[in-house]
Each structure stands twice: as structure tokens, then as C-alpha cells.
């Protein structure tokens, strides 16, 4: 039982931990293979080619930023597991649904609180 009184089966906790670690490993592997294309600062090709290169570079940067955010959230979820607060909404303190944790195991808030903050 966690400090807040929310209980989670050890098997469920282990499953979520496995999901988190698998996603973390996948993101880290992608970092090793993803090459951020530099913007077309040196004119090569026509203007359309340069615009495509710039757009591709922007997309790669955006993807990397999103991946970094997810990695931070995963690390936070692993810390919450160690503290015994994993699976608890940080806003309303109610248990997170299994469906939400299956979809986004690094989530910190329940669907209702997420919708209210949006």
C-alpha cells in the first residue's frame, strides 16, 4: 500500500514498470539512430529543396524534443514507483484507471484532471 492508501497489485506494478522500461529503451535506441538534418544554410539545390531540408530539420528537432519530454516523464514514473505513489493522480489523488496506465504508463494525472487543465 502506498502512503496515500492506494494499492496496486505487484504484478500490475511490474507490468507497468516493464512498459516504461521498454518505451525508454526504444526512445534511447532511436536517439542513437536518428540524425537531425541540418537546415539548408548552404544553398544546395533549388529553393524547394532548401525549404524541404529546413522543414525536415524542424520536424526532427520537434520529434527529439517530444522524445526528451517522454523520457523525463518515464523517469518520473519510475521515481513514483519507488516512492509508492505510482498510479495516483497528482491533482485529485485518486487512482489512475488501468486503461489510462496501459495507454500512457508515465501519466501523472487522471483523464478528468487532464481534461480540466486543457
C-alpha atoms as a PDB file:
ATOM      1  CA  UNK A   1       0.000   0.000   0.000  1.00  0.00           C
ATOM      2  CA  UNK A   2       1.318   3.466  -0.809  1.00  0.00           C
ATOM      3  CA  UNK A   3       1.488   6.386   1.594  1.00  0.00           C
ATOM      4  CA  UNK A   4      -1.798   7.700   0.181  1.00  0.00           C
ATOM      5  CA  UNK A   5      -3.639   4.428   0.685  1.00  0.00           C
ATOM      6  CA  UNK A   6      -3.791   3.372  -2.983  1.00  0.00           C
ATOM      7  CA  UNK A   7      -2.954  -0.270  -3.514  1.00  0.00           C
ATOM      8  CA  UNK A   8      -1.747  -1.831  -6.709  1.00  0.00           C
ATOM      9  CA  UNK A   9      -1.024  -5.486  -7.264  1.00  0.00           C
ATOM     10  CA  UNK A  10       2.665  -6.289  -7.526  1.00  0.00           C
ATOM     11  CA  UNK A  11       2.028  -7.968 -10.881  1.00  0.00           C
ATOM     12  CA  UNK A  12       0.373  -4.801 -12.231  1.00  0.00           C
ATOM     13  CA  UNK A  13       3.200  -2.654 -10.940  1.00  0.00           C
ATOM     14  CA  UNK A  14       5.749  -4.961 -12.583  1.00  0.00           C
ATOM     15  CA  UNK A  15       3.809  -4.817 -15.858  1.00  0.00           C
ATOM     16  CA  UNK A  16       3.792  -1.008 -15.880  1.00  0.00           C
ATOM     17  CA  UNK A  17       7.471  -0.956 -14.999  1.00  0.00           C
ATOM     18  CA  UNK A  18       8.177  -3.261 -17.945  1.00  0.00           C
ATOM     19  CA  UNK A  19       6.162  -0.997 -20.254  1.00  0.00           C
ATOM     20  CA  UNK A  20       8.055   2.060 -19.017  1.00  0.00           C
ATOM     21  CA  UNK A  21      11.464   0.433 -19.414  1.00  0.00           C
ATOM     22  CA  UNK A  22      10.605  -0.865 -22.890  1.00  0.00           C
ATOM     23  CA  UNK A  23       9.482   2.595 -24.028  1.00  0.00           C
ATOM     24  CA  UNK A  24      12.596   4.179 -22.513  1.00  0.00           C
ATOM     25  CA  UNK A  25      14.838   1.664 -24.292  1.00  0.00           C
ATOM     26  CA  UNK A  26      13.026   2.287 -27.580  1.00  0.00           C
ATOM     27  CA  UNK A  27      13.420   6.060 -27.301  1.00  0.00           C
ATOM     28  CA  UNK A  28      17.090   5.778 -26.372  1.00  0.00           C
ATOM     29  CA  UNK A  29      17.712   3.460 -29.321  1.00  0.00           C
ATOM     30  CA  UNK A  30      16.016   5.952 -31.630  1.00  0.00           C
ATOM     31  CA  UNK A  31      18.281   8.709 -30.318  1.00  0.00           C
ATOM     32  CA  UNK A  32      21.252   6.680 -31.466  1.00  0.00           C
ATOM     33  CA  UNK A  33      19.864   6.228 -34.973  1.00  0.00           C
ATOM     34  CA  UNK A  34      18.018   9.498 -35.557  1.00  0.00           C
ATOM     35  CA  UNK A  35      20.135  12.061 -37.319  1.00  0.00           C
ATOM     36  CA  UNK A  36      18.966  15.614 -37.056  1.00  0.00           C
ATOM     37  CA  UNK A  37      19.210  17.065 -40.534  1.00  0.00           C
ATOM     38  CA  UNK A  38      20.803  20.485 -40.542  1.00  0.00           C
ATOM     39  CA  UNK A  39      18.768  23.291 -42.069  1.00  0.00           C
ATOM     40  CA  UNK A  40      19.705  24.287 -45.576  1.00  0.00           C
ATOM     41  CA  UNK A  41      22.059  27.081 -44.542  1.00  0.00           C
ATOM     42  CA  UNK A  42      24.333  26.444 -47.505  1.00  0.00           C
ATOM     43  CA  UNK A  43      22.285  26.808 -50.667  1.00  0.00           C
ATOM     44  CA  UNK A  44      22.149  23.396 -52.305  1.00  0.00           C
ATOM     45  CA  UNK A  45      19.525  22.658 -54.891  1.00  0.00           C
ATOM     46  CA  UNK A  46      16.672  24.972 -55.658  1.00  0.00           C
ATOM     47  CA  UNK A  47      14.528  26.884 -53.197  1.00  0.00           C
ATOM     48  CA  UNK A  48      12.088  23.995 -52.905  1.00  0.00           C
ATOM     49  CA  UNK A  49      14.899  21.604 -51.918  1.00  0.00           C
ATOM     50  CA  UNK A  50      16.125  24.101 -49.323  1.00  0.00           C
ATOM     51  CA  UNK A  51      12.608  24.538 -47.932  1.00  0.00           C
ATOM     52  CA  UNK A  52      12.199  20.755 -47.666  1.00  0.00           C
ATOM     53  CA  UNK A  53      15.533  20.445 -45.855  1.00  0.00           C
ATOM     54  CA  UNK A  54      14.511  23.188 -43.416  1.00  0.00           C
ATOM     55  CA  UNK A  55      11.131  21.546 -42.806  1.00  0.00           C
ATOM     56  CA  UNK A  56      12.774  18.155 -42.248  1.00  0.00           C
ATOM     57  CA  UNK A  57      15.249  19.672 -39.775  1.00  0.00           C
ATOM     58  CA  UNK A  58      12.397  21.358 -37.887  1.00  0.00           C
ATOM     59  CA  UNK A  59      10.473  18.085 -37.757  1.00  0.00           C
ATOM     60  CA  UNK A  60      13.490  16.159 -36.443  1.00  0.00           C
ATOM     61  CA  UNK A  61      14.096  18.772 -33.753  1.00  0.00           C
ATOM     62  CA  UNK A  62      10.434  18.661 -32.717  1.00  0.00           C
ATOM     63  CA  UNK A  63      10.487  14.852 -32.536  1.00  0.00           C
ATOM     64  CA  UNK A  64      13.622  14.911 -30.410  1.00  0.00           C
ATOM     65  CA  UNK A  65      12.071  17.443 -28.029  1.00  0.00           C
ATOM     66  CA  UNK A  66       8.941  15.289 -27.687  1.00  0.00           C
ATOM     67  CA  UNK A  67      11.068  12.211 -27.040  1.00  0.00           C
ATOM     68  CA  UNK A  68      13.060  14.083 -24.386  1.00  0.00           C
ATOM     69  CA  UNK A  69       9.838  15.067 -22.634  1.00  0.00           C
ATOM     70  CA  UNK A  70       8.578  11.478 -22.654  1.00  0.00           C
ATOM     71  CA  UNK A  71      11.922  10.266 -21.285  1.00  0.00           C
ATOM     72  CA  UNK A  72      11.645  12.753 -18.413  1.00  0.00           C
ATOM     73  CA  UNK A  73       8.085  11.582 -17.713  1.00  0.00           C
ATOM     74  CA  UNK A  74       9.191   7.937 -17.753  1.00  0.00           C
ATOM     75  CA  UNK A  75      11.963   8.658 -15.264  1.00  0.00           C
ATOM     76  CA  UNK A  76       9.426  10.470 -13.079  1.00  0.00           C
ATOM     77  CA  UNK A  77       7.087   7.460 -13.208  1.00  0.00           C
ATOM     78  CA  UNK A  78       9.920   5.169 -12.121  1.00  0.00           C
ATOM     79  CA  UNK A  79      10.642   7.500  -9.199  1.00  0.00           C
ATOM     80  CA  UNK A  80       6.953   7.450  -8.233  1.00  0.00           C
ATOM     81  CA  UNK A  81       7.079   3.648  -8.262  1.00  0.00           C
ATOM     82  CA  UNK A  82       9.937   3.741  -5.769  1.00  0.00           C
ATOM     83  CA  UNK A  83       8.028   6.228  -3.594  1.00  0.00           C
ATOM     84  CA  UNK A  84       4.844   4.191  -3.713  1.00  0.00           C
ATOM     85  CA  UNK A  85       2.788   6.911  -5.399  1.00  0.00           C
ATOM     86  CA  UNK A  86       2.693   5.464  -8.907  1.00  0.00           C
ATOM     87  CA  UNK A  87      -0.861   5.118 -10.207  1.00  0.00           C
ATOM     88  CA  UNK A  88      -2.188   8.065  -8.229  1.00  0.00           C
ATOM     89  CA  UNK A  89      -3.383  11.299  -9.852  1.00  0.00           C
ATOM     90  CA  UNK A  90      -1.138  14.138  -8.706  1.00  0.00           C
ATOM     91  CA  UNK A  91      -4.092  16.548  -8.755  1.00  0.00           C
ATOM     92  CA  UNK A  92      -7.075  14.755  -7.199  1.00  0.00           C
ATOM     93  CA  UNK A  93      -5.086  11.911  -5.547  1.00  0.00           C
ATOM     94  CA  UNK A  94      -7.498   9.278  -6.914  1.00  0.00           C
ATOM     95  CA  UNK A  95      -6.247   6.057  -8.513  1.00  0.00           C
ATOM     96  CA  UNK A  96      -5.499   6.247 -12.230  1.00  0.00           C
ATOM     97  CA  UNK A  97      -7.540   3.853 -14.338  1.00  0.00           C
ATOM     98  CA  UNK A  98      -5.870   0.747 -15.695  1.00  0.00           C
ATOM     99  CA  UNK A  99      -6.866   1.799 -19.211  1.00  0.00           C
ATOM    100  CA  UNK A 100      -5.059   5.139 -18.772  1.00  0.00           C
ATOM    101  CA  UNK A 101      -1.955   3.478 -17.360  1.00  0.00           C
ATOM    102  CA  UNK A 102      -1.938   0.928 -20.190  1.00  0.00           C
ATOM    103  CA  UNK A 103      -2.131   3.702 -22.777  1.00  0.00           C
ATOM    104  CA  UNK A 104       0.263   6.153 -21.098  1.00  0.00           C
ATOM    105  CA  UNK A 105       2.069   4.458 -18.203  1.00  0.00           C
ATOM    106  CA  UNK A 106       4.089   7.603 -17.466  1.00  0.00           C
ATOM    107  CA  UNK A 107       0.981   9.739 -16.919  1.00  0.00           C
ATOM    108  CA  UNK A 108       0.745  11.783 -13.743  1.00  0.00           C
ATOM    109  CA  UNK A 109      -2.912  12.783 -13.862  1.00  0.00           C
ATOM    110  CA  UNK A 110      -6.254  11.116 -14.447  1.00  0.00           C
ATOM    111  CA  UNK A 111      -8.257  11.786 -17.583  1.00  0.00           C
ATOM    112  CA  UNK A 112     -10.710  14.055 -15.789  1.00  0.00           C
ATOM    113  CA  UNK A 113      -7.978  16.281 -14.313  1.00  0.00           C
ATOM    114  CA  UNK A 114      -6.164  16.339 -17.664  1.00  0.00           C
ATOM    115  CA  UNK A 115      -9.328  17.498 -19.435  1.00  0.00           C
ATOM    116  CA  UNK A 116      -9.931  20.207 -16.824  1.00  0.00           C
ATOM    117  CA  UNK A 117      -6.412  21.590 -17.292  1.00  0.00           C
ATOM    118  CA  UNK A 118      -6.654  21.631 -21.096  1.00  0.00           C
END
